[in-house]
Amino acid sequence: MINLTNKIAVVTGGNSGIGYASAQELIAQGAKVIITGRNKESVEKAAIELGATGIVADQNKPEDIDSLVAEVKSKFGGVDVLFLNAGVAKFSPVETATESHLDSIIDSNVKGVYFTVQKFIPVLNEGASIIFNTSVNAVLGMPNSGVYSASKAAIISLNRVLAVELAPRKIRVNAVSPGPVATPLYGKIGLTEEEVNGFGAILGERILLKRFGQPEEIANVVRFLASDDASFITGSEITVDGGLTVNAVVY
């Protein structure tokens, strides 16, 4: 049985969606959880609901990362679980993508994630678990997702490298790659409810299980990777997509 009693867990972007559900699941298993987010009101509200510690931090800002790590170290000492969930999703055809489009995604999804994990390495306990939230977009070749897909592919590569580098400290490093998940993200990228529903209906036909995933289903995988039940898993990517990436073109 999974038991995370008294483990210290940090969940970036833990104020909504997959991050919120994962924080909730880790707390249910006994962990003490710190969530982060950019919006002060949203972070405070989620922290109260979850019974977590909320820290306002924007991983696009190096000074915020430094402050976050310093505060966590001061209040909690070492960290046992680090779930790097925060990120952005924006879409554009390669032909018309602007430099600002590329910069905004890479700064958050690659640079921000990279330096967040780098800064946390010194305060990770031996045997800790690092978990990256990546995406099946890294391999799907979905139109208009060139920069977003590249950003997630970069983190999957980082996942493997970091697993090797941290193995001497018995720190496990893994990635969870969700397929389409029903989260507030789709509204944030400018799609109306009607567009989201239409997109979901079309994409649902490509998913073997014929539906979007739920944040809680991704959280269950995060909980597993955070626990000793995954003690012999490192450098791996677990795809959680309802069968989207293995769906054959012809049956």
Protein backbone atom coordinates (compact mmCIF):
# COMPACT_ATOMS: atom_id res chain seq x y z
CA MET A 1 0.00 0.00 0.00
CA ILE A 2 1.34 3.42 -0.95
CA ASN A 3 2.29 5.48 2.09
CA LEU A 4 3.83 8.94 1.85
CA THR A 5 3.47 9.87 5.52
CA ASN A 6 5.66 12.84 6.44
CA LYS A 7 7.20 13.03 2.97
CA ILE A 8 7.79 16.59 1.78
CA ALA A 9 6.41 17.18 -1.73
CA VAL A 10 6.58 20.24 -3.96
CA VAL A 11 4.06 20.56 -6.81
CA THR A 12 4.63 23.45 -9.20
CA GLY A 13 1.46 24.80 -10.76
CA GLY A 14 -0.49 23.06 -8.03
CA ASN A 15 -3.35 25.54 -7.94
CA SER A 16 -5.42 23.90 -10.71
CA GLY A 17 -5.84 20.93 -13.05
CA ILE A 18 -3.34 18.07 -12.89
CA GLY A 19 -1.21 19.88 -10.32
CA TYR A 20 -4.15 20.38 -7.96
CA ALA A 21 -5.32 16.79 -8.33
CA SER A 22 -1.79 15.50 -7.75
CA ALA A 23 -1.32 17.64 -4.64
CA GLN A 24 -4.65 16.36 -3.34
CA GLU A 25 -3.63 12.73 -3.91
CA LEU A 26 -0.20 13.16 -2.30
CA ILE A 27 -1.83 14.76 0.75
CA ALA A 28 -4.32 11.88 0.93
CA GLN A 29 -1.35 9.53 1.17
CA GLY A 30 0.15 11.46 4.08
CA ALA A 31 2.58 13.84 2.38
CA LYS A 32 3.15 17.44 3.40
CA VAL A 33 2.66 19.36 0.17
CA ILE A 34 3.83 22.75 -1.04
CA ILE A 35 2.05 24.08 -4.12
CA THR A 36 3.16 26.95 -6.31
CA GLY A 37 1.52 29.18 -8.89
CA ARG A 38 1.75 32.66 -10.35
CA ASN A 39 -1.63 33.99 -9.20
CA LYS A 40 -1.63 34.87 -5.49
CA GLU A 41 -5.39 34.60 -5.03
CA SER A 42 -5.59 31.26 -6.83
CA VAL A 43 -2.65 29.79 -4.91
CA GLU A 44 -4.03 30.88 -1.55
CA LYS A 45 -7.50 29.52 -2.34
CA ALA A 46 -6.13 26.14 -3.50
CA ALA A 47 -3.81 25.88 -0.48
CA ILE A 48 -6.71 26.37 1.91
CA GLU A 49 -8.89 23.84 0.08
CA LEU A 50 -6.12 21.25 -0.04
CA GLY A 51 -4.57 21.79 3.36
CA ALA A 52 -1.27 22.53 1.63
CA THR A 53 1.32 25.29 1.91
CA GLY A 54 0.99 27.77 -0.94
CA ILE A 55 3.92 29.79 -2.27
CA VAL A 56 3.50 32.31 -5.09
CA ALA A 57 6.27 31.73 -7.63
CA ASP A 58 6.65 32.24 -11.38
CA GLN A 59 9.16 29.77 -12.82
CA ASN A 60 9.83 32.22 -15.67
CA LYS A 61 11.56 34.45 -13.11
CA PRO A 62 14.92 33.21 -11.74
CA GLU A 63 14.50 35.29 -8.58
CA ASP A 64 11.18 33.55 -7.87
CA ILE A 65 12.80 30.13 -8.21
CA ASP A 66 15.57 31.12 -5.81
CA SER A 67 13.05 32.46 -3.29
CA LEU A 68 10.90 29.34 -3.59
CA VAL A 69 13.79 26.97 -2.92
CA ALA A 70 15.06 29.08 -0.03
CA GLU A 71 11.61 29.19 1.60
CA VAL A 72 11.03 25.46 1.20
CA LYS A 73 14.46 24.67 2.63
CA SER A 74 13.94 27.04 5.57
CA LYS A 75 10.48 25.72 6.48
CA PHE A 76 10.74 22.05 5.57
CA GLY A 77 14.41 21.10 5.17
CA GLY A 78 14.84 18.44 2.51
CA VAL A 79 12.38 17.55 -0.25
CA ASP A 80 11.27 13.98 -1.03
CA VAL A 81 9.02 14.54 -4.06
CA LEU A 82 9.32 17.22 -6.74
CA PHE A 83 6.55 17.28 -9.35
CA LEU A 84 7.45 19.75 -12.10
CA ASN A 85 3.97 20.34 -13.44
CA ALA A 86 3.81 24.08 -14.22
CA GLY A 87 3.90 25.08 -17.87
CA VAL A 88 2.04 26.79 -20.69
CA ALA A 89 0.36 25.60 -23.87
CA LYS A 90 0.12 27.91 -26.87
CA PHE A 91 -0.33 26.94 -30.50
CA SER A 92 0.67 28.32 -33.88
CA PRO A 93 1.62 26.95 -37.30
CA VAL A 94 5.38 26.88 -37.79
CA GLU A 95 4.98 29.15 -40.84
CA THR A 96 3.50 32.01 -38.84
CA ALA A 97 4.94 31.47 -35.35
CA THR A 98 6.60 34.56 -33.92
CA GLU A 99 9.73 34.89 -31.81
CA SER A 100 7.59 35.95 -28.85
CA HIS A 101 5.47 32.80 -29.26
CA LEU A 102 8.59 30.64 -29.13
CA ASP A 103 10.15 32.57 -26.26
CA SER A 104 7.04 32.44 -24.07
CA ILE A 105 6.79 28.65 -24.34
CA ILE A 106 10.49 27.83 -24.11
CA ASP A 107 11.00 30.23 -21.20
CA SER A 108 8.29 28.49 -19.18
CA ASN A 109 8.33 24.86 -20.33
CA VAL A 110 12.09 24.40 -20.80
CA LYS A 111 14.14 27.15 -19.18
CA GLY A 112 11.82 27.53 -16.19
CA VAL A 113 11.55 23.79 -15.59
CA TYR A 114 15.29 23.28 -16.10
CA PHE A 115 16.34 25.87 -13.55
CA THR A 116 13.63 24.90 -11.08
CA VAL A 117 14.89 21.33 -10.94
CA GLN A 118 18.51 22.53 -10.93
CA LYS A 119 17.93 24.80 -7.92
CA PHE A 120 16.08 22.06 -6.02
CA ILE A 121 18.78 19.39 -6.50
CA PRO A 122 20.84 20.47 -3.46
CA VAL A 123 17.80 20.21 -1.14
CA LEU A 124 16.54 16.85 -2.40
CA ASN A 125 16.84 14.02 0.10
CA GLU A 126 18.62 10.82 -0.86
CA GLY A 127 16.12 8.52 -2.55
CA ALA A 128 13.86 11.40 -3.56
CA SER A 129 11.58 11.27 -6.60
CA ILE A 130 11.52 13.86 -9.39
CA ILE A 131 8.55 13.73 -11.75
CA PHE A 132 8.21 15.80 -14.93
CA ASN A 133 4.82 16.51 -16.50
CA THR A 134 5.46 16.16 -20.23
CA SER A 135 3.00 15.34 -23.04
CA VAL A 136 2.21 12.92 -25.83
CA ASN A 137 2.50 15.96 -28.10
CA ALA A 138 6.24 15.31 -28.04
CA VAL A 139 5.65 12.37 -30.41
CA LEU A 140 2.27 12.97 -32.06
CA GLY A 141 3.15 15.59 -34.67
CA MET A 142 -0.07 17.51 -34.01
CA PRO A 143 -0.52 20.52 -36.32
CA ASN A 144 0.14 23.95 -34.83
CA SER A 145 2.02 22.51 -31.85
CA GLY A 146 5.60 22.89 -33.13
CA VAL A 147 7.08 24.87 -30.25
CA TYR A 148 4.92 23.29 -27.54
CA SER A 149 5.79 19.78 -28.75
CA ALA A 150 9.49 20.65 -28.92
CA SER A 151 9.38 21.98 -25.37
CA LYS A 152 7.94 18.73 -24.05
CA ALA A 153 10.39 16.61 -26.07
CA ALA A 154 13.23 18.60 -24.51
CA ILE A 155 12.04 17.72 -21.01
CA ILE A 156 11.71 14.04 -21.88
CA SER A 157 15.37 14.12 -22.92
CA LEU A 158 16.31 15.99 -19.75
CA ASN A 159 14.47 13.33 -17.78
CA ARG A 160 16.82 10.62 -19.06
CA VAL A 161 19.99 12.65 -18.53
CA LEU A 162 19.04 13.68 -15.01
CA ALA A 163 18.20 10.09 -14.07
CA VAL A 164 21.80 9.15 -14.86
CA GLU A 165 23.32 12.14 -13.08
CA LEU A 166 21.32 11.68 -9.87
CA ALA A 167 21.49 7.88 -9.66
CA PRO A 168 24.45 7.98 -7.22
CA ARG A 169 22.12 9.68 -4.71
CA LYS A 170 19.39 7.10 -5.42
CA ILE A 171 17.15 9.90 -6.69
CA ARG A 172 14.66 8.58 -9.23
CA VAL A 173 13.70 10.78 -12.19
CA ASN A 174 10.67 9.99 -14.34
CA ALA A 175 8.18 11.64 -16.65
CA VAL A 176 4.44 11.26 -17.01
CA SER A 177 3.11 12.10 -20.48
CA PRO A 178 -0.63 12.74 -20.47
CA GLY A 179 -2.83 12.65 -23.51
CA PRO A 180 -5.87 14.96 -23.65
CA VAL A 181 -7.04 15.69 -20.12
CA ALA A 182 -10.13 17.64 -19.08
CA THR A 183 -8.54 20.62 -17.32
CA PRO A 184 -9.02 24.42 -17.35
CA LEU A 185 -6.05 24.58 -19.75
CA TYR A 186 -8.23 24.47 -22.87
CA GLY A 187 -10.09 27.59 -21.79
CA LYS A 188 -6.80 29.35 -21.07
CA ILE A 189 -5.54 28.86 -24.63
CA GLY A 190 -8.46 30.80 -26.05
CA LEU A 191 -10.90 28.06 -27.05
CA THR A 192 -14.61 28.56 -26.39
CA GLU A 193 -16.63 25.85 -24.66
CA GLU A 194 -18.18 24.97 -28.02
CA GLU A 195 -14.75 24.66 -29.64
CA VAL A 196 -13.47 22.55 -26.75
CA ASN A 197 -16.45 20.22 -27.03
CA GLY A 198 -16.03 19.94 -30.81
CA PHE A 199 -12.31 19.29 -30.47
CA GLY A 200 -13.04 16.72 -27.78
CA ALA A 201 -15.55 14.89 -29.95
CA ILE A 202 -13.12 14.64 -32.86
CA LEU A 203 -10.13 13.69 -30.74
CA GLY A 204 -12.23 11.29 -28.68
CA GLU A 205 -12.64 9.11 -31.76
CA ARG A 206 -8.85 8.69 -31.93
CA ILE A 207 -8.57 7.71 -28.26
CA LEU A 208 -9.10 3.99 -27.77
CA LEU A 209 -11.07 4.59 -24.56
CA LYS A 210 -13.21 7.21 -26.37
CA ARG A 211 -12.88 10.00 -23.82
CA PHE A 212 -10.55 12.60 -22.35
CA GLY A 213 -8.66 11.67 -19.20
CA GLN A 214 -9.40 13.20 -15.82
CA PRO A 215 -6.79 15.05 -13.73
CA GLU A 216 -7.22 12.45 -11.00
CA GLU A 217 -6.12 9.70 -13.39
CA ILE A 218 -2.84 11.49 -14.01
CA ALA A 219 -2.51 12.15 -10.28
CA ASN A 220 -2.70 8.40 -9.62
CA VAL A 221 0.41 7.89 -11.76
CA VAL A 222 2.19 10.78 -10.04
CA ARG A 223 1.38 9.23 -6.67
CA PHE A 224 2.80 5.88 -7.83
CA LEU A 225 6.03 7.42 -9.14
CA ALA A 226 6.41 9.40 -5.92
CA SER A 227 6.19 6.28 -3.79
CA ASP A 228 8.46 3.37 -2.93
CA ASP A 229 6.20 1.19 -5.08
CA ALA A 230 8.14 2.68 -8.01
CA SER A 231 11.52 2.11 -6.34
CA PHE A 232 13.03 0.37 -9.39
CA ILE A 233 11.78 2.85 -11.99
CA THR A 234 13.97 5.73 -13.14
CA GLY A 235 14.66 7.45 -16.46
CA SER A 236 11.27 6.29 -17.70
CA GLU A 237 8.34 7.98 -19.39
CA ILE A 238 4.87 6.71 -18.54
CA THR A 239 2.27 7.54 -21.19
CA VAL A 240 -1.26 8.08 -19.87
CA ASP A 241 -3.36 8.78 -22.95
CA GLY A 242 -6.21 6.28 -23.14
CA GLY A 243 -4.49 4.57 -26.06
CA LEU A 244 -4.23 7.64 -28.30
CA THR A 245 -0.62 7.07 -29.39
CA VAL A 246 -1.05 3.37 -30.14
CA ASN A 247 -4.32 3.64 -32.07
CA ALA A 248 -3.81 1.95 -35.43
CA VAL A 249 -4.72 3.79 -38.62
CA VAL A 250 -6.28 0.61 -40.02
CA TYR A 251 -7.83 -2.21 -38.01
